[in-house]
Full PDB file with SEQRES, HELIX, SHEET, SSBOND, CRYST1, ORIGX, SCALE, CONECT and MASTER records, all heavy atoms in Angstrom:
SEQRES   1 A   39  TYR HIS GLU GLY LEU ILE VAL LEU SER GLY CYS ALA SER          
SEQRES   2 A   39  ALA GLU VAL PRO ALA LEU ILE ALA GLN GLU ARG MET ASP          
SEQRES   3 A   39  ASP ALA ARG LYS SER ALA LEU TRP TYR ARG GLU LEU PHE          
HELIX    1 AA1 GLU A   15  ALA A   21  1                                   7    
HELIX    2 AA2 MET A   25  LEU A   38  1                                  14    
CRYST1    1.000    1.000    1.000  90.00  90.00  90.00 P 1           1          
ORIGX1      1.000000  0.000000  0.000000        0.00000                         
ORIGX2      0.000000  1.000000  0.000000        0.00000                         
ORIGX3      0.000000  0.000000  1.000000        0.00000                         
SCALE1      1.000000  0.000000  0.000000        0.00000                         
SCALE2      0.000000  1.000000  0.000000        0.00000                         
SCALE3      0.000000  0.000000  1.000000        0.00000                         
ATOM      1  N   TYR A   1       8.004   9.329 -11.217  1.00  0.00           N  
ATOM      2  CA  TYR A   1       9.334   9.324 -10.598  1.00  0.00           C  
ATOM      3  C   TYR A   1       9.579   8.060  -9.767  1.00  0.00           C  
ATOM      4  O   TYR A   1      10.128   8.124  -8.679  1.00  0.00           O  
ATOM      5  CB  TYR A   1       9.506  10.570  -9.722  1.00  0.00           C  
ATOM      6  CG  TYR A   1       9.395  11.851 -10.487  1.00  0.00           C  
ATOM      7  CD1 TYR A   1       8.278  12.673 -10.353  1.00  0.00           C  
ATOM      8  CD2 TYR A   1      10.391  12.240 -11.375  1.00  0.00           C  
ATOM      9  CE1 TYR A   1       8.173  13.859 -11.069  1.00  0.00           C  
ATOM     10  CE2 TYR A   1      10.296  13.417 -12.093  1.00  0.00           C  
ATOM     11  CZ  TYR A   1       9.185  14.216 -11.935  1.00  0.00           C  
ATOM     12  OH  TYR A   1       9.081  15.384 -12.655  1.00  0.00           O  
ATOM     13  N   HIS A   2       9.206   6.905 -10.269  1.00  0.00           N  
ATOM     14  CA  HIS A   2       9.298   5.664  -9.495  1.00  0.00           C  
ATOM     15  C   HIS A   2      10.632   4.929  -9.618  1.00  0.00           C  
ATOM     16  O   HIS A   2      10.971   4.103  -8.775  1.00  0.00           O  
ATOM     17  CB  HIS A   2       8.163   4.708  -9.886  1.00  0.00           C  
ATOM     18  CG  HIS A   2       8.317   4.149 -11.263  1.00  0.00           C  
ATOM     19  ND1 HIS A   2       7.902   4.823 -12.387  1.00  0.00           N  
ATOM     20  CD2 HIS A   2       8.860   2.987 -11.705  1.00  0.00           C  
ATOM     21  CE1 HIS A   2       8.179   4.100 -13.444  1.00  0.00           C  
ATOM     22  NE2 HIS A   2       8.761   2.980 -13.069  1.00  0.00           N  
ATOM     23  N   GLU A   3      11.405   5.233 -10.637  1.00  0.00           N  
ATOM     24  CA  GLU A   3      12.637   4.472 -10.868  1.00  0.00           C  
ATOM     25  C   GLU A   3      13.656   4.684  -9.750  1.00  0.00           C  
ATOM     26  O   GLU A   3      13.812   5.783  -9.238  1.00  0.00           O  
ATOM     27  CB  GLU A   3      13.257   4.877 -12.203  1.00  0.00           C  
ATOM     28  CG  GLU A   3      12.456   4.416 -13.399  1.00  0.00           C  
ATOM     29  CD  GLU A   3      13.151   4.768 -14.701  1.00  0.00           C  
ATOM     30  OE1 GLU A   3      14.339   4.413 -14.852  1.00  0.00           O  
ATOM     31  OE2 GLU A   3      12.502   5.406 -15.542  1.00  0.00           O  
ATOM     32  N   GLY A   4      14.316   3.592  -9.398  1.00  0.00           N  
ATOM     33  CA  GLY A   4      15.389   3.657  -8.410  1.00  0.00           C  
ATOM     34  C   GLY A   4      14.921   3.800  -6.976  1.00  0.00           C  
ATOM     35  O   GLY A   4      15.718   4.101  -6.098  1.00  0.00           O  
ATOM     36  N   LEU A   5      13.648   3.568  -6.739  1.00  0.00           N  
ATOM     37  CA  LEU A   5      13.104   3.734  -5.392  1.00  0.00           C  
ATOM     38  C   LEU A   5      12.661   2.399  -4.803  1.00  0.00           C  
ATOM     39  O   LEU A   5      12.171   1.522  -5.504  1.00  0.00           O  
ATOM     40  CB  LEU A   5      11.914   4.702  -5.410  1.00  0.00           C  
ATOM     41  CG  LEU A   5      12.239   6.134  -5.834  1.00  0.00           C  
ATOM     42  CD1 LEU A   5      10.956   6.945  -5.947  1.00  0.00           C  
ATOM     43  CD2 LEU A   5      13.224   6.780  -4.877  1.00  0.00           C  
ATOM     44  N   ILE A   6      12.831   2.295  -3.516  1.00  0.00           N  
ATOM     45  CA  ILE A   6      12.307   1.196  -2.715  1.00  0.00           C  
ATOM     46  C   ILE A   6      11.157   1.790  -1.917  1.00  0.00           C  
ATOM     47  O   ILE A   6      11.311   2.853  -1.305  1.00  0.00           O  
ATOM     48  CB  ILE A   6      13.378   0.633  -1.762  1.00  0.00           C  
ATOM     49  CG1 ILE A   6      14.567   0.090  -2.548  1.00  0.00           C  
ATOM     50  CG2 ILE A   6      12.783  -0.421  -0.838  1.00  0.00           C  
ATOM     51  CD1 ILE A   6      15.787  -0.187  -1.684  1.00  0.00           C  
ATOM     52  N   VAL A   7      10.013   1.133  -1.912  1.00  0.00           N  
ATOM     53  CA  VAL A   7       8.850   1.664  -1.208  1.00  0.00           C  
ATOM     54  C   VAL A   7       8.358   0.631  -0.200  1.00  0.00           C  
ATOM     55  O   VAL A   7       8.233  -0.554  -0.511  1.00  0.00           O  
ATOM     56  CB  VAL A   7       7.740   2.061  -2.211  1.00  0.00           C  
ATOM     57  CG1 VAL A   7       6.460   2.426  -1.485  1.00  0.00           C  
ATOM     58  CG2 VAL A   7       8.212   3.222  -3.071  1.00  0.00           C  
ATOM     59  N   LEU A   8       8.083   1.124   0.997  1.00  0.00           N  
ATOM     60  CA  LEU A   8       7.514   0.307   2.060  1.00  0.00           C  
ATOM     61  C   LEU A   8       6.094   0.801   2.315  1.00  0.00           C  
ATOM     62  O   LEU A   8       5.810   1.994   2.203  1.00  0.00           O  
ATOM     63  CB  LEU A   8       8.338   0.428   3.344  1.00  0.00           C  
ATOM     64  CG  LEU A   8       9.857   0.307   3.230  1.00  0.00           C  
ATOM     65  CD1 LEU A   8      10.496   0.429   4.608  1.00  0.00           C  
ATOM     66  CD2 LEU A   8      10.254  -0.987   2.563  1.00  0.00           C  
ATOM     67  N   SER A   9       5.223  -0.098   2.698  1.00  0.00           N  
ATOM     68  CA  SER A   9       3.809   0.237   2.844  1.00  0.00           C  
ATOM     69  C   SER A   9       3.544   1.323   3.871  1.00  0.00           C  
ATOM     70  O   SER A   9       2.514   1.979   3.820  1.00  0.00           O  
ATOM     71  CB  SER A   9       2.991  -1.008   3.181  1.00  0.00           C  
ATOM     72  OG  SER A   9       3.421  -1.573   4.400  1.00  0.00           O  
ATOM     73  N   GLY A  10       4.461   1.542   4.811  1.00  0.00           N  
ATOM     74  CA  GLY A  10       4.324   2.648   5.751  1.00  0.00           C  
ATOM     75  C   GLY A  10       3.767   2.245   7.104  1.00  0.00           C  
ATOM     76  O   GLY A  10       3.422   1.101   7.362  1.00  0.00           O  
ATOM     77  N   CYS A  11       3.662   3.260   7.943  1.00  0.00           N  
ATOM     78  CA  CYS A  11       3.200   3.085   9.319  1.00  0.00           C  
ATOM     79  C   CYS A  11       1.687   2.916   9.357  1.00  0.00           C  
ATOM     80  O   CYS A  11       1.029   2.812   8.322  1.00  0.00           O  
ATOM     81  CB  CYS A  11       3.629   4.298  10.144  1.00  0.00           C  
ATOM     82  SG  CYS A  11       2.847   5.831   9.602  1.00  0.00           S  
ATOM     83  N   ALA A  12       1.111   2.920  10.547  1.00  0.00           N  
ATOM     84  CA  ALA A  12      -0.334   2.742  10.705  1.00  0.00           C  
ATOM     85  C   ALA A  12      -1.134   3.844  10.017  1.00  0.00           C  
ATOM     86  O   ALA A  12      -2.312   3.656   9.707  1.00  0.00           O  
ATOM     87  CB  ALA A  12      -0.697   2.667  12.188  1.00  0.00           C  
ATOM     88  N   SER A  13      -0.501   4.990   9.744  1.00  0.00           N  
ATOM     89  CA  SER A  13      -1.171   6.102   9.058  1.00  0.00           C  
ATOM     90  C   SER A  13      -1.071   6.006   7.540  1.00  0.00           C  
ATOM     91  O   SER A  13      -1.499   6.914   6.834  1.00  0.00           O  
ATOM     92  CB  SER A  13      -0.572   7.431   9.514  1.00  0.00           C  
ATOM     93  OG  SER A  13      -0.776   7.616  10.887  1.00  0.00           O  
ATOM     94  N   ALA A  14      -0.496   4.939   7.048  1.00  0.00           N  
ATOM     95  CA  ALA A  14      -0.334   4.754   5.606  1.00  0.00           C  
ATOM     96  C   ALA A  14      -1.597   4.132   5.014  1.00  0.00           C  
ATOM     97  O   ALA A  14      -2.457   3.614   5.731  1.00  0.00           O  
ATOM     98  CB  ALA A  14       0.881   3.878   5.328  1.00  0.00           C  
ATOM     99  N   GLU A  15      -1.687   4.157   3.697  1.00  0.00           N  
ATOM    100  CA  GLU A  15      -2.899   3.718   3.012  1.00  0.00           C  
ATOM    101  C   GLU A  15      -3.248   2.257   3.284  1.00  0.00           C  
ATOM    102  O   GLU A  15      -4.359   1.944   3.729  1.00  0.00           O  
ATOM    103  CB  GLU A  15      -2.739   3.949   1.509  1.00  0.00           C  
ATOM    104  CG  GLU A  15      -3.947   3.597   0.699  1.00  0.00           C  
ATOM    105  CD  GLU A  15      -3.765   3.898  -0.787  1.00  0.00           C  
ATOM    106  OE1 GLU A  15      -2.728   4.466  -1.183  1.00  0.00           O  
ATOM    107  OE2 GLU A  15      -4.677   3.550  -1.547  1.00  0.00           O  
ATOM    108  N   VAL A  16      -2.322   1.353   3.028  1.00  0.00           N  
ATOM    109  CA  VAL A  16      -2.620  -0.077   3.180  1.00  0.00           C  
ATOM    110  C   VAL A  16      -2.923  -0.423   4.643  1.00  0.00           C  
ATOM    111  O   VAL A  16      -3.962  -1.042   4.922  1.00  0.00           O  
ATOM    112  CB  VAL A  16      -1.480  -0.945   2.585  1.00  0.00           C  
ATOM    113  CG1 VAL A  16      -1.694  -2.422   2.901  1.00  0.00           C  
ATOM    114  CG2 VAL A  16      -1.379  -0.730   1.071  1.00  0.00           C  
ATOM    115  N   PRO A  17      -2.073  -0.035   5.600  1.00  0.00           N  
ATOM    116  CA  PRO A  17      -2.409  -0.332   6.996  1.00  0.00           C  
ATOM    117  C   PRO A  17      -3.723   0.306   7.461  1.00  0.00           C  
ATOM    118  O   PRO A  17      -4.481  -0.316   8.212  1.00  0.00           O  
ATOM    119  CB  PRO A  17      -1.220   0.226   7.774  1.00  0.00           C  
ATOM    120  CG  PRO A  17      -0.098   0.197   6.807  1.00  0.00           C  
ATOM    121  CD  PRO A  17      -0.720   0.522   5.483  1.00  0.00           C  
ATOM    122  N   ALA A  18      -4.002   1.536   7.020  1.00  0.00           N  
ATOM    123  CA  ALA A  18      -5.253   2.190   7.418  1.00  0.00           C  
ATOM    124  C   ALA A  18      -6.459   1.424   6.883  1.00  0.00           C  
ATOM    125  O   ALA A  18      -7.472   1.280   7.583  1.00  0.00           O  
ATOM    126  CB  ALA A  18      -5.271   3.637   6.934  1.00  0.00           C  
ATOM    127  N   LEU A  19      -6.362   0.935   5.661  1.00  0.00           N  
ATOM    128  CA  LEU A  19      -7.462   0.142   5.096  1.00  0.00           C  
ATOM    129  C   LEU A  19      -7.649  -1.157   5.873  1.00  0.00           C  
ATOM    130  O   LEU A  19      -8.784  -1.591   6.110  1.00  0.00           O  
ATOM    131  CB  LEU A  19      -7.205  -0.141   3.615  1.00  0.00           C  
ATOM    132  CG  LEU A  19      -7.315   1.075   2.687  1.00  0.00           C  
ATOM    133  CD1 LEU A  19      -6.737   0.752   1.308  1.00  0.00           C  
ATOM    134  CD2 LEU A  19      -8.751   1.554   2.589  1.00  0.00           C  
ATOM    135  N   ILE A  20      -6.542  -1.765   6.283  1.00  0.00           N  
ATOM    136  CA  ILE A  20      -6.636  -2.979   7.106  1.00  0.00           C  
ATOM    137  C   ILE A  20      -7.326  -2.657   8.431  1.00  0.00           C  
ATOM    138  O   ILE A  20      -8.208  -3.390   8.881  1.00  0.00           O  
ATOM    139  CB  ILE A  20      -5.243  -3.601   7.334  1.00  0.00           C  
ATOM    140  CG1 ILE A  20      -4.698  -4.150   6.009  1.00  0.00           C  
ATOM    141  CG2 ILE A  20      -5.299  -4.689   8.406  1.00  0.00           C  
ATOM    142  CD1 ILE A  20      -3.238  -4.560   6.063  1.00  0.00           C  
ATOM    143  N   ALA A  21      -6.938  -1.544   9.057  1.00  0.00           N  
ATOM    144  CA  ALA A  21      -7.542  -1.145  10.335  1.00  0.00           C  
ATOM    145  C   ALA A  21      -9.041  -0.889  10.182  1.00  0.00           C  
ATOM    146  O   ALA A  21      -9.805  -1.104  11.127  1.00  0.00           O  
ATOM    147  CB  ALA A  21      -6.842   0.096  10.881  1.00  0.00           C  
ATOM    148  N   GLN A  22      -9.463  -0.460   8.997  1.00  0.00           N  
ATOM    149  CA  GLN A  22     -10.883  -0.212   8.719  1.00  0.00           C  
ATOM    150  C   GLN A  22     -11.603  -1.493   8.267  1.00  0.00           C  
ATOM    151  O   GLN A  22     -12.761  -1.440   7.863  1.00  0.00           O  
ATOM    152  CB  GLN A  22     -11.023   0.857   7.630  1.00  0.00           C  
ATOM    153  CG  GLN A  22     -10.505   2.207   8.015  1.00  0.00           C  
ATOM    154  CD  GLN A  22     -10.377   3.139   6.810  1.00  0.00           C  
ATOM    155  OE1 GLN A  22     -10.940   2.900   5.738  1.00  0.00           O  
ATOM    156  NE2 GLN A  22      -9.625   4.207   6.983  1.00  0.00           N  
ATOM    157  N   GLU A  23     -10.867  -2.623   8.305  1.00  0.00           N  
ATOM    158  CA  GLU A  23     -11.391  -3.926   7.896  1.00  0.00           C  
ATOM    159  C   GLU A  23     -11.836  -3.929   6.435  1.00  0.00           C  
ATOM    160  O   GLU A  23     -12.812  -4.580   6.054  1.00  0.00           O  
ATOM    161  CB  GLU A  23     -12.530  -4.371   8.829  1.00  0.00           C  
ATOM    162  CG  GLU A  23     -12.065  -4.533  10.265  1.00  0.00           C  
ATOM    163  CD  GLU A  23     -13.161  -4.983  11.207  1.00  0.00           C  
ATOM    164  OE1 GLU A  23     -14.284  -5.304  10.752  1.00  0.00           O  
ATOM    165  OE2 GLU A  23     -12.885  -5.026  12.416  1.00  0.00           O  
ATOM    166  N   ARG A  24     -11.053  -3.237   5.601  1.00  0.00           N  
ATOM    167  CA  ARG A  24     -11.302  -3.169   4.152  1.00  0.00           C  
ATOM    168  C   ARG A  24     -10.172  -3.917   3.437  1.00  0.00           C  
ATOM    169  O   ARG A  24      -9.400  -3.324   2.691  1.00  0.00           O  
ATOM    170  CB  ARG A  24     -11.386  -1.707   3.716  1.00  0.00           C  
ATOM    171  CG  ARG A  24     -12.560  -0.968   4.340  1.00  0.00           C  
ATOM    172  CD  ARG A  24     -12.527   0.523   4.091  1.00  0.00           C  
ATOM    173  NE  ARG A  24     -12.361   0.852   2.691  1.00  0.00           N  
ATOM    174  CZ  ARG A  24     -12.019   2.070   2.257  1.00  0.00           C  
ATOM    175  NH1 ARG A  24     -11.818   3.059   3.113  1.00  0.00           N  
ATOM    176  NH2 ARG A  24     -11.875   2.307   0.966  1.00  0.00           N  
ATOM    177  N   MET A  25     -10.094  -5.209   3.664  1.00  0.00           N  
ATOM    178  CA  MET A  25      -8.982  -6.013   3.143  1.00  0.00           C  
ATOM    179  C   MET A  25      -8.938  -6.033   1.615  1.00  0.00           C  
ATOM    180  O   MET A  25      -7.855  -6.042   1.037  1.00  0.00           O  
ATOM    181  CB  MET A  25      -9.033  -7.439   3.695  1.00  0.00           C  
ATOM    182  CG  MET A  25      -8.539  -7.565   5.120  1.00  0.00           C  
ATOM    183  SD  MET A  25      -6.820  -7.035   5.347  1.00  0.00           S  
ATOM    184  CE  MET A  25      -5.951  -8.389   4.571  1.00  0.00           C  
ATOM    185  N   ASP A  26     -10.076  -6.045   0.956  1.00  0.00           N  
ATOM    186  CA  ASP A  26     -10.066  -6.037  -0.510  1.00  0.00           C  
ATOM    187  C   ASP A  26      -9.428  -4.756  -1.037  1.00  0.00           C  
ATOM    188  O   ASP A  26      -8.621  -4.788  -1.966  1.00  0.00           O  
ATOM    189  CB  ASP A  26     -11.473  -6.201  -1.086  1.00  0.00           C  
ATOM    190  CG  ASP A  26     -12.022  -7.605  -0.919  1.00  0.00           C  
ATOM    191  OD1 ASP A  26     -11.210  -8.550  -0.725  1.00  0.00           O  
ATOM    192  OD2 ASP A  26     -13.248  -7.773  -0.984  1.00  0.00           O  
ATOM    193  N   ASP A  27      -9.772  -3.624  -0.434  1.00  0.00           N  
ATOM    194  CA  ASP A  27      -9.181  -2.352  -0.846  1.00  0.00           C  
ATOM    195  C   ASP A  27      -7.690  -2.310  -0.500  1.00  0.00           C  
ATOM    196  O   ASP A  27      -6.882  -1.792  -1.276  1.00  0.00           O  
ATOM    197  CB  ASP A  27      -9.901  -1.175  -0.188  1.00  0.00           C  
ATOM    198  CG  ASP A  27     -11.324  -1.004  -0.704  1.00  0.00           C  
ATOM    199  OD1 ASP A  27     -11.586  -1.364  -1.874  1.00  0.00           O  
ATOM    200  OD2 ASP A  27     -12.167  -0.503   0.061  1.00  0.00           O  
ATOM    201  N   ALA A  28      -7.321  -2.853   0.657  1.00  0.00           N  
ATOM    202  CA  ALA A  28      -5.906  -2.903   1.043  1.00  0.00           C  
ATOM    203  C   ALA A  28      -5.120  -3.742   0.041  1.00  0.00           C  
ATOM    204  O   ALA A  28      -4.015  -3.368  -0.366  1.00  0.00           O  
ATOM    205  CB  ALA A  28      -5.763  -3.479   2.454  1.00  0.00           C  
ATOM    206  N   ARG A  29      -5.677  -4.866  -0.371  1.00  0.00           N  
ATOM    207  CA  ARG A  29      -5.032  -5.735  -1.356  1.00  0.00           C  
ATOM    208  C   ARG A  29      -4.854  -5.006  -2.688  1.00  0.00           C  
ATOM    209  O   ARG A  29      -3.783  -5.025  -3.282  1.00  0.00           O  
ATOM    210  CB  ARG A  29      -5.842  -7.012  -1.540  1.00  0.00           C  
ATOM    211  CG  ARG A  29      -5.217  -8.041  -2.456  1.00  0.00           C  
ATOM    212  CD  ARG A  29      -6.068  -9.306  -2.586  1.00  0.00           C  
ATOM    213  NE  ARG A  29      -6.376  -9.903  -1.285  1.00  0.00           N  
ATOM    214  CZ  ARG A  29      -7.537  -9.744  -0.621  1.00  0.00           C  
ATOM    215  NH1 ARG A  29      -8.520  -9.021  -1.129  1.00  0.00           N  
ATOM    216  NH2 ARG A  29      -7.729 -10.317   0.545  1.00  0.00           N  
ATOM    217  N   LYS A  30      -5.908  -4.330  -3.156  1.00  0.00           N  
ATOM    218  CA  LYS A  30      -5.832  -3.582  -4.418  1.00  0.00           C  
ATOM    219  C   LYS A  30      -4.739  -2.516  -4.350  1.00  0.00           C  
ATOM    220  O   LYS A  30      -3.977  -2.339  -5.298  1.00  0.00           O  
ATOM    221  CB  LYS A  30      -7.179  -2.936  -4.737  1.00  0.00           C  
ATOM    222  CG  LYS A  30      -8.233  -3.893  -5.207  1.00  0.00           C  
ATOM    223  CD  LYS A  30      -9.548  -3.162  -5.450  1.00  0.00           C  
ATOM    224  CE  LYS A  30     -10.677  -4.162  -5.612  1.00  0.00           C  
ATOM    225  NZ  LYS A  30     -11.992  -3.514  -5.658  1.00  0.00           N  
ATOM    226  N   SER A  31      -4.686  -1.809  -3.246  1.00  0.00           N  
ATOM    227  CA  SER A  31      -3.682  -0.759  -3.092  1.00  0.00           C  
ATOM    228  C   SER A  31      -2.278  -1.348  -3.076  1.00  0.00           C  
ATOM    229  O   SER A  31      -1.372  -0.857  -3.761  1.00  0.00           O  
ATOM    230  CB  SER A  31      -3.947   0.026  -1.805  1.00  0.00           C  
ATOM    231  OG  SER A  31      -2.965   1.009  -1.627  1.00  0.00           O  
ATOM    232  N   ALA A  32      -2.084  -2.405  -2.298  1.00  0.00           N  
ATOM    233  CA  ALA A  32      -0.763  -3.035  -2.218  1.00  0.00           C  
ATOM    234  C   ALA A  32      -0.327  -3.565  -3.583  1.00  0.00           C  
ATOM    235  O   ALA A  32       0.841  -3.416  -3.974  1.00  0.00           O  
ATOM    236  CB  ALA A  32      -0.784  -4.172  -1.185  1.00  0.00           C  
ATOM    237  N   LEU A  33      -1.259  -4.142  -4.314  1.00  0.00           N  
ATOM    238  CA  LEU A  33      -0.917  -4.657  -5.646  1.00  0.00           C  
ATOM    239  C   LEU A  33      -0.593  -3.525  -6.623  1.00  0.00           C  
ATOM    240  O   LEU A  33       0.266  -3.685  -7.493  1.00  0.00           O  
ATOM    241  CB  LEU A  33      -2.051  -5.538  -6.181  1.00  0.00           C  
ATOM    242  CG  LEU A  33      -2.214  -6.873  -5.456  1.00  0.00           C  
ATOM    243  CD1 LEU A  33      -3.480  -7.586  -5.909  1.00  0.00           C  
ATOM    244  CD2 LEU A  33      -0.989  -7.756  -5.653  1.00  0.00           C  
ATOM    245  N   TRP A  34      -1.241  -2.386  -6.475  1.00  0.00           N  
ATOM    246  CA  TRP A  34      -0.906  -1.227  -7.314  1.00  0.00           C  
ATOM    247  C   TRP A  34       0.550  -0.804  -7.062  1.00  0.00           C  
ATOM    248  O   TRP A  34       1.307  -0.585  -7.998  1.00  0.00           O  
ATOM    249  CB  TRP A  34      -1.857  -0.054  -7.040  1.00  0.00           C  
ATOM    250  CG  TRP A  34      -1.579   1.118  -7.924  1.00  0.00           C  
ATOM    251  CD1 TRP A  34      -2.085   1.335  -9.173  1.00  0.00           C  
ATOM    252  CD2 TRP A  34      -0.701   2.222  -7.651  1.00  0.00           C  
ATOM    253  NE1 TRP A  34      -1.582   2.513  -9.688  1.00  0.00           N  
ATOM    254  CE2 TRP A  34      -0.729   3.082  -8.778  1.00  0.00           C  
ATOM    255  CE3 TRP A  34       0.097   2.574  -6.570  1.00  0.00           C  
ATOM    256  CZ2 TRP A  34       0.005   4.257  -8.848  1.00  0.00           C  
ATOM    257  CZ3 TRP A  34       0.837   3.749  -6.644  1.00  0.00           C  
ATOM    258  CH2 TRP A  34       0.791   4.576  -7.763  1.00  0.00           C  
ATOM    259  N   TYR A  35       0.928  -0.698  -5.796  1.00  0.00           N  
ATOM    260  CA  TYR A  35       2.300  -0.312  -5.455  1.00  0.00           C  
ATOM    261  C   TYR A  35       3.305  -1.359  -5.939  1.00  0.00           C  
ATOM    262  O   TYR A  35       4.356  -1.020  -6.463  1.00  0.00           O  
ATOM    263  CB  TYR A  35       2.448  -0.074  -3.950  1.00  0.00           C  
ATOM    264  CG  TYR A  35       1.908   1.260  -3.511  1.00  0.00           C  
ATOM    265  CD1 TYR A  35       0.678   1.356  -2.865  1.00  0.00           C  
ATOM    266  CD2 TYR A  35       2.606   2.436  -3.753  1.00  0.00           C  
ATOM    267  CE1 TYR A  35       0.174   2.587  -2.466  1.00  0.00           C  
ATOM    268  CE2 TYR A  35       2.104   3.667  -3.358  1.00  0.00           C  
ATOM    269  CZ  TYR A  35       0.896   3.739  -2.713  1.00  0.00           C  
ATOM    270  OH  TYR A  35       0.398   4.966  -2.335  1.00  0.00           O  
ATOM    271  N   ARG A  36       2.973  -2.630  -5.760  1.00  0.00           N  
ATOM    272  CA  ARG A  36       3.895  -3.682  -6.202  1.00  0.00           C  
ATOM    273  C   ARG A  36       4.074  -3.653  -7.717  1.00  0.00           C  
ATOM    274  O   ARG A  36       5.166  -3.875  -8.229  1.00  0.00           O  
ATOM    275  CB  ARG A  36       3.420  -5.062  -5.760  1.00  0.00           C  
ATOM    276  CG  ARG A  36       4.436  -6.144  -6.184  1.00  0.00           C  
ATOM    277  CD  ARG A  36       4.016  -7.508  -5.823  1.00  0.00           C  
ATOM    278  NE  ARG A  36       2.914  -7.931  -6.683  1.00  0.00           N  
ATOM    279  CZ  ARG A  36       2.342  -9.113  -6.615  1.00  0.00           C  
ATOM    280  NH1 ARG A  36       2.741  -9.990  -5.731  1.00  0.00           N  
ATOM    281  NH2 ARG A  36       1.350  -9.423  -7.421  1.00  0.00           N  
ATOM    282  N   GLU A  37       3.014  -3.362  -8.443  1.00  0.00           N  
ATOM    283  CA  GLU A  37       3.099  -3.278  -9.897  1.00  0.00           C  
ATOM    284  C   GLU A  37       3.992  -2.121 -10.336  1.00  0.00           C  
ATOM    285  O   GLU A  37       4.747  -2.236 -11.297  1.00  0.00           O  
ATOM    286  CB  GLU A  37       1.685  -3.108 -10.486  1.00  0.00           C  
ATOM    287  CG  GLU A  37       1.636  -3.012 -11.985  1.00  0.00           C  
ATOM    288  CD  GLU A  37       1.932  -4.326 -12.686  1.00  0.00           C  
ATOM    289  OE1 GLU A  37       1.732  -5.406 -12.090  1.00  0.00           O  
ATOM    290  OE2 GLU A  37       2.385  -4.271 -13.850  1.00  0.00           O  
ATOM    291  N   LEU A  38       3.930  -1.012  -9.617  1.00  0.00           N  
ATOM    292  CA  LEU A  38       4.689   0.183  -9.984  1.00  0.00           C  
ATOM    293  C   LEU A  38       6.151   0.076  -9.559  1.00  0.00           C  
ATOM    294  O   LEU A  38       7.055   0.440 -10.324  1.00  0.00           O  
ATOM    295  CB  LEU A  38       4.056   1.426  -9.362  1.00  0.00           C  
ATOM    296  CG  LEU A  38       4.746   2.754  -9.659  1.00  0.00           C  
ATOM    297  CD1 LEU A  38       4.746   3.049 -11.163  1.00  0.00           C  
ATOM    298  CD2 LEU A  38       4.057   3.882  -8.894  1.00  0.00           C  
ATOM    299  N   PHE A  39       6.400  -0.394  -8.367  1.00  0.00           N  
ATOM    300  CA  PHE A  39       7.753  -0.407  -7.815  1.00  0.00           C  
ATOM    301  C   PHE A  39       8.318  -1.824  -7.821  1.00  0.00           C  
ATOM    302  O   PHE A  39       7.704  -2.747  -7.295  1.00  0.00           O  
ATOM    303  CB  PHE A  39       7.756   0.143  -6.381  1.00  0.00           C  
ATOM    304  CG  PHE A  39       7.364   1.589  -6.306  1.00  0.00           C  
ATOM    305  CD1 PHE A  39       6.065   1.958  -6.000  1.00  0.00           C  
ATOM    306  CD2 PHE A  39       8.298   2.589  -6.560  1.00  0.00           C  
ATOM    307  CE1 PHE A  39       5.696   3.295  -5.942  1.00  0.00           C  
ATOM    308  CE2 PHE A  39       7.943   3.924  -6.504  1.00  0.00           C  
ATOM    309  CZ  PHE A  39       6.634   4.276  -6.197  1.00  0.00           C  
TER     310      PHE A  39                                                      
MASTER        0    0    0    2    0    0    0    6  309    1    0    3          
END                                                                             
């Protein structure tokens, strides 16, 4: 159900920011790129 949607990475409790807070930048990058590919 991705069509017609705008997605923002979210607050500090979201996946990408939480991974950054855990100092897992590679995982944060992979996640962000997955979302960018889909939306």
